[in-house]
Amino acid sequence: MFKNKVILVIGATGTVGYEIVKKIIKERPKCILLFGRNEYHHFKIQQSITYDGLKNVIGDIRDKESLRSVMREVDYVFNFAALKHVEYCENNPFEAIKTNLIGLQNIIECAFELNVKKVIHASSDKAVNPINVMGATKMLGERLILSKALATSSPIFATVRFTNIIESRGSVVEVWLNQIKKKSPVTITCPNMTRYVMLKDKAVQLVLNACKEAKGGEIFIPKSPEIKLNDLCQIVINEASDMWGIDKNSIIIHKIGRRSGEKKHEELIGESEKKFALENDDTIIINPFKKNLGQSEPKYSYSNRNDSKEVHEIVRNIIRGMDI
């Protein structure tokens, strides 16, 4: 699919962006353009990945001219650029709007103007019935993509809606592992709070599948296990203490309470979206062009699940692979 093509990865220095680059290189594209504003992280990627067609471009999606100059002759665009932390977006709402909405609109307009083939945009399950700034910007970002997809057949625009990638930088699992390693109290906001979780490999595969299958306007959502924070915390403590030889009974859990803007329970899909939803073994696909007309029940039937075994395996893989 990507052989001899020009690929633009926006936000390539993040967890998923970096893994996407490594995957795409295997297909021998003509060029992969890595676009972002963190000079140091671009330097680190350049040191870790060797490929003649790899080019680092320092720029910001808030700057439309910067985007326009890098998007010429591009075939596929992957957008992972965003302000993602709920607390920081609550405290800096206009910054969240400038990146998550104005920056995204710049991507959409440049892609349309320059005849890009496909644009795959990364969203979050916080976009479903949002109660915070970050979720609201993600919800509106999905609407921007959908609006353009409904208005044009080229480029093809589609969205992937990630759940919590718990290997990502700054994730709660990384925070807890650092606290356990330092023998500090493990801080937890609300023990009964639930989150959907996924591995970065599944996130990468979701993006690549979306790029292959998208016809325009779809939202691709991974079927993910749901878990209470307290249960996740206990899994992390048990796995880390066993692997590092730490007495788990010596680890203190400190409840700090919910932070501003945090939802107690997140959702994969909104009620109004279910009539447009189809599913396969591992993905829910919201397709605005295929409403289930004439059916009393939607084709979507996936229910929340708390798969402790899967979450254990996820956490084990994270601990083994983390450099802490």
C-alpha atoms as a PDB file:
ATOM      1  CA  MET A   1       0.000   0.000   0.000  1.00  0.00           C
ATOM      2  CA  PHE A   2       2.809   2.421   0.870  1.00  0.00           C
ATOM      3  CA  LYS A   3       5.477   1.240  -1.567  1.00  0.00           C
ATOM      4  CA  ASN A   4       6.918   4.216  -3.469  1.00  0.00           C
ATOM      5  CA  LYS A   5       4.390   6.558  -1.802  1.00  0.00           C
ATOM      6  CA  VAL A   6       5.017   9.757   0.134  1.00  0.00           C
ATOM      7  CA  ILE A   7       3.776   9.539   3.734  1.00  0.00           C
ATOM      8  CA  LEU A   8       3.338  12.409   6.181  1.00  0.00           C
ATOM      9  CA  VAL A   9       3.228  11.453   9.871  1.00  0.00           C
ATOM     10  CA  ILE A  10       2.221  14.405  12.050  1.00  0.00           C
ATOM     11  CA  GLY A  11       3.122  13.891  15.690  1.00  0.00           C
ATOM     12  CA  ALA A  12       5.563  11.145  14.732  1.00  0.00           C
ATOM     13  CA  THR A  13       7.583  11.464  17.941  1.00  0.00           C
ATOM     14  CA  GLY A  14       4.711  10.174  20.091  1.00  0.00           C
ATOM     15  CA  THR A  15       4.157   6.549  21.109  1.00  0.00           C
ATOM     16  CA  VAL A  16       1.897   5.507  18.214  1.00  0.00           C
ATOM     17  CA  GLY A  17       3.434   7.801  15.597  1.00  0.00           C
ATOM     18  CA  TYR A  18       6.882   6.328  16.191  1.00  0.00           C
ATOM     19  CA  GLU A  19       5.586   2.750  15.880  1.00  0.00           C
ATOM     20  CA  ILE A  20       3.657   3.614  12.710  1.00  0.00           C
ATOM     21  CA  VAL A  21       6.855   4.944  11.122  1.00  0.00           C
ATOM     22  CA  LYS A  22       8.691   1.695  11.905  1.00  0.00           C
ATOM     23  CA  LYS A  23       5.869  -0.347  10.346  1.00  0.00           C
ATOM     24  CA  ILE A  24       5.528   1.757   7.189  1.00  0.00           C
ATOM     25  CA  ILE A  25       9.274   1.660   6.485  1.00  0.00           C
ATOM     26  CA  LYS A  26       8.988  -2.105   5.922  1.00  0.00           C
ATOM     27  CA  GLU A  27       6.879  -1.376   2.814  1.00  0.00           C
ATOM     28  CA  ARG A  28       9.641   0.798   1.289  1.00  0.00           C
ATOM     29  CA  PRO A  29       7.850   4.097   0.745  1.00  0.00           C
ATOM     30  CA  LYS A  30       9.465   6.732  -1.413  1.00  0.00           C
ATOM     31  CA  CYS A  31       9.563   9.158   1.503  1.00  0.00           C
ATOM     32  CA  ILE A  32       8.316   9.432   5.093  1.00  0.00           C
ATOM     33  CA  LEU A  33       8.022  12.986   6.357  1.00  0.00           C
ATOM     34  CA  LEU A  34       8.006  13.341  10.151  1.00  0.00           C
ATOM     35  CA  PHE A  35       6.360  16.620  11.106  1.00  0.00           C
ATOM     36  CA  GLY A  36       6.392  18.130  14.581  1.00  0.00           C
ATOM     37  CA  ARG A  37       7.797  20.837  16.789  1.00  0.00           C
ATOM     38  CA  ASN A  38       9.902  18.871  19.297  1.00  0.00           C
ATOM     39  CA  GLU A  39      13.425  19.145  17.934  1.00  0.00           C
ATOM     40  CA  TYR A  40      14.958  16.820  20.541  1.00  0.00           C
ATOM     41  CA  HIS A  41      12.503  13.981  19.896  1.00  0.00           C
ATOM     42  CA  HIS A  42      13.023  14.311  16.146  1.00  0.00           C
ATOM     43  CA  PHE A  43      16.759  14.003  16.764  1.00  0.00           C
ATOM     44  CA  LYS A  44      16.179  10.823  18.817  1.00  0.00           C
ATOM     45  CA  ILE A  45      14.116   9.256  16.013  1.00  0.00           C
ATOM     46  CA  GLN A  46      16.824  10.113  13.492  1.00  0.00           C
ATOM     47  CA  GLN A  47      19.339   8.303  15.706  1.00  0.00           C
ATOM     48  CA  SER A  48      17.157   5.213  16.176  1.00  0.00           C
ATOM     49  CA  ILE A  49      15.747   4.687  12.654  1.00  0.00           C
ATOM     50  CA  THR A  50      17.922   4.377   9.563  1.00  0.00           C
ATOM     51  CA  TYR A  51      16.097   4.880   6.262  1.00  0.00           C
ATOM     52  CA  ASP A  52      17.171   6.946   3.278  1.00  0.00           C
ATOM     53  CA  GLY A  53      13.636   8.218   2.681  1.00  0.00           C
ATOM     54  CA  LEU A  54      13.129   9.443   6.234  1.00  0.00           C
ATOM     55  CA  LYS A  55      12.976  13.238   6.596  1.00  0.00           C
ATOM     56  CA  ASN A  56      12.415  15.271   9.739  1.00  0.00           C
ATOM     57  CA  VAL A  57      10.528  18.541   9.337  1.00  0.00           C
ATOM     58  CA  ILE A  58      10.211  20.948  12.261  1.00  0.00           C
ATOM     59  CA  GLY A  59       6.863  22.695  12.174  1.00  0.00           C
ATOM     60  CA  ASP A  60       3.525  23.218  13.882  1.00  0.00           C
ATOM     61  CA  ILE A  61       0.040  22.309  12.641  1.00  0.00           C
ATOM     62  CA  ARG A  62      -1.132  25.680  13.962  1.00  0.00           C
ATOM     63  CA  ASP A  63       0.888  27.244  11.131  1.00  0.00           C
ATOM     64  CA  LYS A  64      -1.014  26.558   7.920  1.00  0.00           C
ATOM     65  CA  GLU A  65       1.800  27.715   5.643  1.00  0.00           C
ATOM     66  CA  SER A  66       4.180  25.319   7.361  1.00  0.00           C
ATOM     67  CA  LEU A  67       1.726  22.486   6.741  1.00  0.00           C
ATOM     68  CA  ARG A  68       1.109  23.487   3.140  1.00  0.00           C
ATOM     69  CA  SER A  69       4.813  23.453   2.328  1.00  0.00           C
ATOM     70  CA  VAL A  70       5.345  19.947   3.752  1.00  0.00           C
ATOM     71  CA  MET A  71       2.161  18.408   2.317  1.00  0.00           C
ATOM     72  CA  ARG A  72       2.956  18.961  -1.366  1.00  0.00           C
ATOM     73  CA  GLU A  73       3.076  15.622  -3.255  1.00  0.00           C
ATOM     74  CA  VAL A  74       2.035  13.672  -0.133  1.00  0.00           C
ATOM     75  CA  ASP A  75      -0.149  10.577  -0.665  1.00  0.00           C
ATOM     76  CA  TYR A  76      -1.145   9.649   2.897  1.00  0.00           C
ATOM     77  CA  VAL A  77      -1.413  11.747   6.067  1.00  0.00           C
ATOM     78  CA  PHE A  78      -1.531  10.354   9.614  1.00  0.00           C
ATOM     79  CA  ASN A  79      -2.308  12.889  12.314  1.00  0.00           C
ATOM     80  CA  PHE A  80      -1.314  12.063  15.906  1.00  0.00           C
ATOM     81  CA  ALA A  81      -0.628  15.645  16.975  1.00  0.00           C
ATOM     82  CA  ALA A  82      -2.749  16.739  19.929  1.00  0.00           C
ATOM     83  CA  LEU A  83      -2.787  18.084  23.439  1.00  0.00           C
ATOM     84  CA  LYS A  84      -3.928  14.921  25.219  1.00  0.00           C
ATOM     85  CA  HIS A  85      -3.676  15.432  28.987  1.00  0.00           C
ATOM     86  CA  VAL A  86      -7.051  16.255  30.511  1.00  0.00           C
ATOM     87  CA  GLU A  87      -5.677  18.378  33.349  1.00  0.00           C
ATOM     88  CA  TYR A  88      -3.455  20.527  31.121  1.00  0.00           C
ATOM     89  CA  CYS A  89      -6.252  21.075  28.615  1.00  0.00           C
ATOM     90  CA  GLU A  90      -8.574  22.140  31.455  1.00  0.00           C
ATOM     91  CA  ASN A  91      -6.025  24.706  32.585  1.00  0.00           C
ATOM     92  CA  ASN A  92      -5.089  25.827  29.049  1.00  0.00           C
ATOM     93  CA  PRO A  93      -8.295  25.573  27.003  1.00  0.00           C
ATOM     94  CA  PHE A  94      -7.295  27.956  24.209  1.00  0.00           C
ATOM     95  CA  GLU A  95      -4.039  26.084  23.648  1.00  0.00           C
ATOM     96  CA  ALA A  96      -6.076  22.865  23.334  1.00  0.00           C
ATOM     97  CA  ILE A  97      -8.382  24.549  20.812  1.00  0.00           C
ATOM     98  CA  LYS A  98      -5.480  25.907  18.755  1.00  0.00           C
ATOM     99  CA  THR A  99      -3.839  22.474  18.418  1.00  0.00           C
ATOM    100  CA  ASN A 100      -6.746  20.022  18.513  1.00  0.00           C
ATOM    101  CA  LEU A 101      -9.164  22.049  16.379  1.00  0.00           C
ATOM    102  CA  ILE A 102      -7.509  24.905  14.481  1.00  0.00           C
ATOM    103  CA  GLY A 103      -4.481  22.721  13.746  1.00  0.00           C
ATOM    104  CA  LEU A 104      -6.718  19.889  12.570  1.00  0.00           C
ATOM    105  CA  GLN A 105      -8.713  22.235  10.338  1.00  0.00           C
ATOM    106  CA  ASN A 106      -5.417  23.373   8.796  1.00  0.00           C
ATOM    107  CA  ILE A 107      -4.580  19.725   8.030  1.00  0.00           C
ATOM    108  CA  ILE A 108      -8.001  19.146   6.454  1.00  0.00           C
ATOM    109  CA  GLU A 109      -7.816  22.264   4.258  1.00  0.00           C
ATOM    110  CA  CYS A 110      -4.257  21.611   3.089  1.00  0.00           C
ATOM    111  CA  ALA A 111      -4.993  17.953   2.325  1.00  0.00           C
ATOM    112  CA  PHE A 112      -8.012  18.965   0.219  1.00  0.00           C
ATOM    113  CA  GLU A 113      -6.122  21.725  -1.551  1.00  0.00           C
ATOM    114  CA  LEU A 114      -3.107  19.527  -2.364  1.00  0.00           C
ATOM    115  CA  ASN A 115      -4.988  16.368  -3.478  1.00  0.00           C
ATOM    116  CA  VAL A 116      -3.825  13.994  -0.750  1.00  0.00           C
ATOM    117  CA  LYS A 117      -5.263  10.466  -1.125  1.00  0.00           C
ATOM    118  CA  LYS A 118      -6.169   9.710   2.523  1.00  0.00           C
ATOM    119  CA  VAL A 119      -6.087  11.397   5.921  1.00  0.00           C
ATOM    120  CA  ILE A 120      -6.327   9.269   9.078  1.00  0.00           C
ATOM    121  CA  HIS A 121      -6.918  11.286  12.245  1.00  0.00           C
ATOM    122  CA  ALA A 122      -6.405   9.997  15.801  1.00  0.00           C
ATOM    123  CA  SER A 123      -9.135  10.715  18.338  1.00  0.00           C
ATOM    124  CA  SER A 124      -9.932   9.415  21.836  1.00  0.00           C
ATOM    125  CA  ASP A 125     -12.750   7.669  23.687  1.00  0.00           C
ATOM    126  CA  LYS A 126     -12.938  10.886  25.716  1.00  0.00           C
ATOM    127  CA  ALA A 127     -14.741  12.319  22.663  1.00  0.00           C
ATOM    128  CA  VAL A 128     -17.856  10.318  23.640  1.00  0.00           C
ATOM    129  CA  ASN A 129     -20.210  12.468  25.769  1.00  0.00           C
ATOM    130  CA  PRO A 130     -17.323  14.733  26.818  1.00  0.00           C
ATOM    131  CA  ILE A 131     -17.266  16.625  30.119  1.00  0.00           C
ATOM    132  CA  ASN A 132     -13.818  18.197  29.747  1.00  0.00           C
ATOM    133  CA  VAL A 133     -11.968  20.474  27.323  1.00  0.00           C
ATOM    134  CA  MET A 134      -9.786  17.705  25.906  1.00  0.00           C
ATOM    135  CA  GLY A 135     -12.780  15.457  25.215  1.00  0.00           C
ATOM    136  CA  ALA A 136     -14.779  18.332  23.744  1.00  0.00           C
ATOM    137  CA  THR A 137     -11.988  19.219  21.317  1.00  0.00           C
ATOM    138  CA  LYS A 138     -11.665  15.568  20.319  1.00  0.00           C
ATOM    139  CA  MET A 139     -15.419  15.306  19.742  1.00  0.00           C
ATOM    140  CA  LEU A 140     -15.393  18.442  17.587  1.00  0.00           C
ATOM    141  CA  GLY A 141     -12.303  17.138  15.769  1.00  0.00           C
ATOM    142  CA  GLU A 142     -14.229  14.001  14.821  1.00  0.00           C
ATOM    143  CA  ARG A 143     -17.043  16.220  13.524  1.00  0.00           C
ATOM    144  CA  LEU A 144     -14.600  18.271  11.428  1.00  0.00           C
ATOM    145  CA  ILE A 145     -13.303  15.081   9.790  1.00  0.00           C
ATOM    146  CA  LEU A 146     -16.819  13.742   9.242  1.00  0.00           C
ATOM    147  CA  SER A 147     -18.059  17.037   7.828  1.00  0.00           C
ATOM    148  CA  LYS A 148     -15.297  17.129   5.224  1.00  0.00           C
ATOM    149  CA  ALA A 149     -15.744  13.433   4.422  1.00  0.00           C
ATOM    150  CA  LEU A 150     -19.443  13.992   3.721  1.00  0.00           C
ATOM    151  CA  ALA A 151     -18.646  16.984   1.510  1.00  0.00           C
ATOM    152  CA  THR A 152     -16.016  15.382  -0.726  1.00  0.00           C
ATOM    153  CA  SER A 153     -14.920  11.991  -2.032  1.00  0.00           C
ATOM    154  CA  SER A 154     -11.268  13.034  -2.264  1.00  0.00           C
ATOM    155  CA  PRO A 155      -9.275  13.010  -0.116  1.00  0.00           C
ATOM    156  CA  ILE A 156     -10.723  10.166   1.952  1.00  0.00           C
ATOM    157  CA  PHE A 157     -10.973  11.300   5.582  1.00  0.00           C
ATOM    158  CA  ALA A 158     -11.430   8.873   8.502  1.00  0.00           C
ATOM    159  CA  THR A 159     -10.887   8.716  12.263  1.00  0.00           C
ATOM    160  CA  VAL A 160      -9.512   6.163  14.705  1.00  0.00           C
ATOM    161  CA  ARG A 161     -10.825   6.491  18.265  1.00  0.00           C
ATOM    162  CA  PHE A 162      -8.170   5.195  20.649  1.00  0.00           C
ATOM    163  CA  THR A 163      -8.785   4.007  24.182  1.00  0.00           C
ATOM    164  CA  ASN A 164      -6.058   4.442  26.837  1.00  0.00           C
ATOM    165  CA  ILE A 165      -2.727   3.222  25.474  1.00  0.00           C
ATOM    166  CA  ILE A 166      -1.119   2.326  28.772  1.00  0.00           C
ATOM    167  CA  GLU A 167       2.392   2.018  27.350  1.00  0.00           C
ATOM    168  CA  SER A 168       2.318   5.651  26.247  1.00  0.00           C
ATOM    169  CA  ARG A 169       4.538   8.284  27.809  1.00  0.00           C
ATOM    170  CA  GLY A 170       2.989   9.767  30.948  1.00  0.00           C
ATOM    171  CA  SER A 171       0.377   7.012  31.323  1.00  0.00           C
ATOM    172  CA  VAL A 172      -0.848   6.105  34.796  1.00  0.00           C
ATOM    173  CA  VAL A 173       0.940   2.743  34.553  1.00  0.00           C
ATOM    174  CA  GLU A 174       4.264   4.467  33.900  1.00  0.00           C
ATOM    175  CA  VAL A 175       3.615   6.792  36.857  1.00  0.00           C
ATOM    176  CA  TRP A 176       2.821   3.868  39.173  1.00  0.00           C
ATOM    177  CA  LEU A 177       5.855   1.866  38.047  1.00  0.00           C
ATOM    178  CA  ASN A 178       8.131   4.827  38.752  1.00  0.00           C
ATOM    179  CA  GLN A 179       6.557   5.240  42.198  1.00  0.00           C
ATOM    180  CA  ILE A 180       6.980   1.532  42.996  1.00  0.00           C
ATOM    181  CA  LYS A 181      10.594   1.572  41.812  1.00  0.00           C
ATOM    182  CA  LYS A 182      11.315   4.552  44.073  1.00  0.00           C
ATOM    183  CA  LYS A 183       9.371   2.927  46.960  1.00  0.00           C
ATOM    184  CA  SER A 184       7.096   5.963  47.081  1.00  0.00           C
ATOM    185  CA  PRO A 185       3.344   5.797  47.812  1.00  0.00           C
ATOM    186  CA  VAL A 186       1.308   4.780  44.752  1.00  0.00           C
ATOM    187  CA  THR A 187      -1.191   7.555  44.023  1.00  0.00           C
ATOM    188  CA  ILE A 188      -4.668   6.729  42.717  1.00  0.00           C
ATOM    189  CA  THR A 189      -7.424   9.223  41.934  1.00  0.00           C
ATOM    190  CA  CYS A 190     -10.671   7.255  42.284  1.00  0.00           C
ATOM    191  CA  PRO A 191     -10.486   3.451  42.860  1.00  0.00           C
ATOM    192  CA  ASN A 192     -13.877   2.773  41.223  1.00  0.00           C
ATOM    193  CA  MET A 193     -13.101   4.860  38.116  1.00  0.00           C
ATOM    194  CA  THR A 194     -13.051   2.705  34.978  1.00  0.00           C
ATOM    195  CA  ARG A 195     -10.969   2.964  31.827  1.00  0.00           C
ATOM    196  CA  TYR A 196     -10.703   1.086  28.544  1.00  0.00           C
ATOM    197  CA  VAL A 197      -7.105   0.047  27.846  1.00  0.00           C
ATOM    198  CA  MET A 198      -5.140  -1.193  24.851  1.00  0.00           C
ATOM    199  CA  LEU A 199      -1.597  -2.016  23.731  1.00  0.00           C
ATOM    200  CA  LYS A 200       0.269   0.260  21.349  1.00  0.00           C
ATOM    201  CA  ASP A 201       0.621  -2.633  18.856  1.00  0.00           C
ATOM    202  CA  LYS A 202      -3.167  -2.846  18.668  1.00  0.00           C
ATOM    203  CA  ALA A 203      -3.346   0.934  18.180  1.00  0.00           C
ATOM    204  CA  VAL A 204      -0.875   0.725  15.291  1.00  0.00           C
ATOM    205  CA  GLN A 205      -2.801  -2.098  13.644  1.00  0.00           C
ATOM    206  CA  LEU A 206      -6.055  -0.156  14.061  1.00  0.00           C
ATOM    207  CA  VAL A 207      -4.528   2.816  12.209  1.00  0.00           C
ATOM    208  CA  LEU A 208      -3.139   0.691   9.375  1.00  0.00           C
ATOM    209  CA  ASN A 209      -6.428  -1.204   8.978  1.00  0.00           C
ATOM    210  CA  ALA A 210      -8.325   2.091   8.934  1.00  0.00           C
ATOM    211  CA  CYS A 211      -6.029   3.413   6.206  1.00  0.00           C
ATOM    212  CA  LYS A 212      -6.614   0.299   4.119  1.00  0.00           C
ATOM    213  CA  GLU A 213     -10.390   0.048   4.630  1.00  0.00           C
ATOM    214  CA  ALA A 214     -11.611   3.655   4.935  1.00  0.00           C
ATOM    215  CA  LYS A 215     -13.982   4.869   2.244  1.00  0.00           C
ATOM    216  CA  GLY A 216     -14.709   8.209   3.932  1.00  0.00           C
ATOM    217  CA  GLY A 217     -16.173   9.389   7.243  1.00  0.00           C
ATOM    218  CA  GLU A 218     -15.738   6.209   9.297  1.00  0.00           C
ATOM    219  CA  ILE A 219     -14.676   6.078  12.920  1.00  0.00           C
ATOM    220  CA  PHE A 220     -12.692   2.931  13.763  1.00  0.00           C
ATOM    221  CA  ILE A 221     -12.837   1.933  17.449  1.00  0.00           C
ATOM    222  CA  PRO A 222     -10.866  -0.916  19.058  1.00  0.00           C
ATOM    223  CA  LYS A 223     -12.729  -3.437  21.186  1.00  0.00           C
ATOM    224  CA  SER A 224     -10.859  -2.958  24.443  1.00  0.00           C
ATOM    225  CA  PRO A 225     -11.063  -4.443  27.937  1.00  0.00           C
ATOM    226  CA  GLU A 226     -12.516  -2.154  30.611  1.00  0.00           C
ATOM    227  CA  ILE A 227     -11.035  -2.130  34.104  1.00  0.00           C
ATOM    228  CA  LYS A 228     -11.402  -0.298  37.413  1.00  0.00           C
ATOM    229  CA  LEU A 229      -8.389   1.814  38.355  1.00  0.00           C
ATOM    230  CA  ASN A 230      -8.083  -0.015  41.664  1.00  0.00           C
ATOM    231  CA  ASP A 231      -7.918  -3.387  39.870  1.00  0.00           C
ATOM    232  CA  LEU A 232      -5.380  -2.022  37.378  1.00  0.00           C
ATOM    233  CA  CYS A 233      -3.312  -0.622  40.238  1.00  0.00           C
ATOM    234  CA  GLN A 234      -3.292  -3.993  42.028  1.00  0.00           C
ATOM    235  CA  ILE A 235      -2.217  -5.750  38.817  1.00  0.00           C
ATOM    236  CA  VAL A 236       0.664  -3.283  38.396  1.00  0.00           C
ATOM    237  CA  ILE A 237       1.718  -3.704  42.038  1.00  0.00           C
ATOM    238  CA  ASN A 238       1.571  -7.524  41.853  1.00  0.00           C
ATOM    239  CA  GLU A 239       3.431  -7.769  38.552  1.00  0.00           C
ATOM    240  CA  ALA A 240       6.076  -5.160  39.428  1.00  0.00           C
ATOM    241  CA  SER A 241       6.744  -6.559  42.912  1.00  0.00           C
ATOM    242  CA  ASP A 242       7.127 -10.101  41.543  1.00  0.00           C
ATOM    243  CA  MET A 243       9.465  -9.039  38.738  1.00  0.00           C
ATOM    244  CA  TRP A 244      11.541  -6.633  40.820  1.00  0.00           C
ATOM    245  CA  GLY A 245      11.623  -8.578  44.090  1.00  0.00           C
ATOM    246  CA  ILE A 246       9.704  -5.970  46.112  1.00  0.00           C
ATOM    247  CA  ASP A 247       7.441  -6.867  49.057  1.00  0.00           C
ATOM    248  CA  LYS A 248       4.001  -5.832  47.785  1.00  0.00           C
ATOM    249  CA  ASN A 249       2.711  -5.482  51.344  1.00  0.00           C
ATOM    250  CA  SER A 250       5.167  -2.616  51.811  1.00  0.00           C
ATOM    251  CA  ILE A 251       3.616  -0.591  48.968  1.00  0.00           C
ATOM    252  CA  ILE A 252       1.274   2.138  50.221  1.00  0.00           C
ATOM    253  CA  ILE A 253      -1.685   3.261  48.086  1.00  0.00           C
ATOM    254  CA  HIS A 254      -2.607   6.934  48.513  1.00  0.00           C
ATOM    255  CA  LYS A 255      -6.019   8.117  47.262  1.00  0.00           C
ATOM    256  CA  ILE A 256      -5.815  11.683  45.937  1.00  0.00           C
ATOM    257  CA  GLY A 257      -9.331  12.125  44.519  1.00  0.00           C
ATOM    258  CA  ARG A 258     -10.605  12.901  41.036  1.00  0.00           C
ATOM    259  CA  ARG A 259      -8.898  15.721  39.190  1.00  0.00           C
ATOM    260  CA  SER A 260     -10.640  18.517  37.349  1.00  0.00           C
ATOM    261  CA  GLY A 261     -12.401  17.314  34.191  1.00  0.00           C
ATOM    262  CA  GLU A 262     -11.974  13.578  34.788  1.00  0.00           C
ATOM    263  CA  LYS A 263     -14.906  11.282  33.974  1.00  0.00           C
ATOM    264  CA  LYS A 264     -15.622   8.424  36.325  1.00  0.00           C
ATOM    265  CA  HIS A 265     -16.540   6.086  33.462  1.00  0.00           C
ATOM    266  CA  GLU A 266     -15.548   6.418  29.815  1.00  0.00           C
ATOM    267  CA  GLU A 267     -17.419   5.025  26.800  1.00  0.00           C
ATOM    268  CA  LEU A 268     -16.389   3.508  23.484  1.00  0.00           C
ATOM    269  CA  ILE A 269     -19.417   4.675  21.530  1.00  0.00           C
ATOM    270  CA  GLY A 270     -22.315   7.072  22.023  1.00  0.00           C
ATOM    271  CA  GLU A 271     -25.955   5.989  21.941  1.00  0.00           C
ATOM    272  CA  SER A 272     -26.677   8.076  18.851  1.00  0.00           C
ATOM    273  CA  GLU A 273     -23.777   6.410  16.997  1.00  0.00           C
ATOM    274  CA  LYS A 274     -24.983   2.836  17.478  1.00  0.00           C
ATOM    275  CA  LYS A 275     -27.421   2.928  14.574  1.00  0.00           C
ATOM    276  CA  PHE A 276     -24.446   3.566  12.266  1.00  0.00           C
ATOM    277  CA  ALA A 277     -22.180   0.949  13.873  1.00  0.00           C
ATOM    278  CA  LEU A 278     -20.939  -2.331  12.482  1.00  0.00           C
ATOM    279  CA  GLU A 279     -18.374  -4.631  14.055  1.00  0.00           C
ATOM    280  CA  ASN A 280     -15.890  -7.364  13.314  1.00  0.00           C
ATOM    281  CA  ASP A 281     -13.816  -9.494  15.690  1.00  0.00           C
ATOM    282  CA  ASP A 282     -11.733  -6.663  17.142  1.00  0.00           C
ATOM    283  CA  THR A 283     -13.123  -3.368  15.827  1.00  0.00           C
ATOM    284  CA  ILE A 284     -16.310  -1.305  15.925  1.00  0.00           C
ATOM    285  CA  ILE A 285     -16.793   0.808  12.801  1.00  0.00           C
ATOM    286  CA  ILE A 286     -19.134   3.782  12.794  1.00  0.00           C
ATOM    287  CA  ASN A 287     -20.088   4.334   9.171  1.00  0.00           C
ATOM    288  CA  PRO A 288     -22.229   7.413   8.466  1.00  0.00           C
ATOM    289  CA  PHE A 289     -23.106   6.131   4.980  1.00  0.00           C
ATOM    290  CA  LYS A 290     -24.515   2.817   6.206  1.00  0.00           C
ATOM    291  CA  LYS A 291     -27.260   3.551   8.690  1.00  0.00           C
ATOM    292  CA  ASN A 292     -29.119   0.360   9.624  1.00  0.00           C
ATOM    293  CA  LEU A 293     -32.399   1.493   8.107  1.00  0.00           C
ATOM    294  CA  GLY A 294     -35.446  -0.715   8.552  1.00  0.00           C
ATOM    295  CA  GLN A 295     -33.916  -2.728  11.382  1.00  0.00           C
ATOM    296  CA  SER A 296     -35.394  -2.731  14.876  1.00  0.00           C
ATOM    297  CA  GLU A 297     -31.976  -3.448  16.381  1.00  0.00           C
ATOM    298  CA  PRO A 298     -28.595  -2.046  15.312  1.00  0.00           C
ATOM    299  CA  LYS A 299     -25.877  -4.431  14.139  1.00  0.00           C
ATOM    300  CA  TYR A 300     -23.693  -3.178  16.981  1.00  0.00           C
ATOM    301  CA  SER A 301     -23.822  -5.560  19.962  1.00  0.00           C
ATOM    302  CA  TYR A 302     -20.470  -5.214  21.737  1.00  0.00           C
ATOM    303  CA  SER A 303     -20.817  -4.842  25.498  1.00  0.00           C
ATOM    304  CA  ASN A 304     -18.360  -3.641  28.112  1.00  0.00           C
ATOM    305  CA  ARG A 305     -16.104  -6.328  29.472  1.00  0.00           C
ATOM    306  CA  ASN A 306     -13.592  -6.582  32.278  1.00  0.00           C
ATOM    307  CA  ASP A 307     -11.008  -8.989  30.909  1.00  0.00           C
ATOM    308  CA  SER A 308      -8.588  -9.343  33.816  1.00  0.00           C
ATOM    309  CA  LYS A 309      -6.446 -11.925  32.013  1.00  0.00           C
ATOM    310  CA  GLU A 310      -5.908  -9.632  29.014  1.00  0.00           C
ATOM    311  CA  VAL A 311      -5.070  -6.657  31.241  1.00  0.00           C
ATOM    312  CA  HIS A 312      -2.570  -8.771  33.228  1.00  0.00           C
ATOM    313  CA  GLU A 313      -0.814  -9.661  29.981  1.00  0.00           C
ATOM    314  CA  ILE A 314      -0.803  -6.038  28.838  1.00  0.00           C
ATOM    315  CA  VAL A 315       0.795  -4.888  32.111  1.00  0.00           C
ATOM    316  CA  ARG A 316       3.350  -7.716  32.037  1.00  0.00           C
ATOM    317  CA  ASN A 317       4.412  -6.722  28.530  1.00  0.00           C
ATOM    318  CA  ILE A 318       4.715  -3.098  29.563  1.00  0.00           C
ATOM    319  CA  ILE A 319       6.877  -3.809  32.615  1.00  0.00           C
ATOM    320  CA  ARG A 320       9.181  -6.072  30.615  1.00  0.00           C
ATOM    321  CA  GLY A 321       9.613  -3.467  27.888  1.00  0.00           C
ATOM    322  CA  MET A 322       9.911  -0.312  29.980  1.00  0.00           C
ATOM    323  CA  ASP A 323      13.192   1.401  30.673  1.00  0.00           C
ATOM    324  CA  ILE A 324      12.645   2.703  34.210  1.00  0.00           C
END
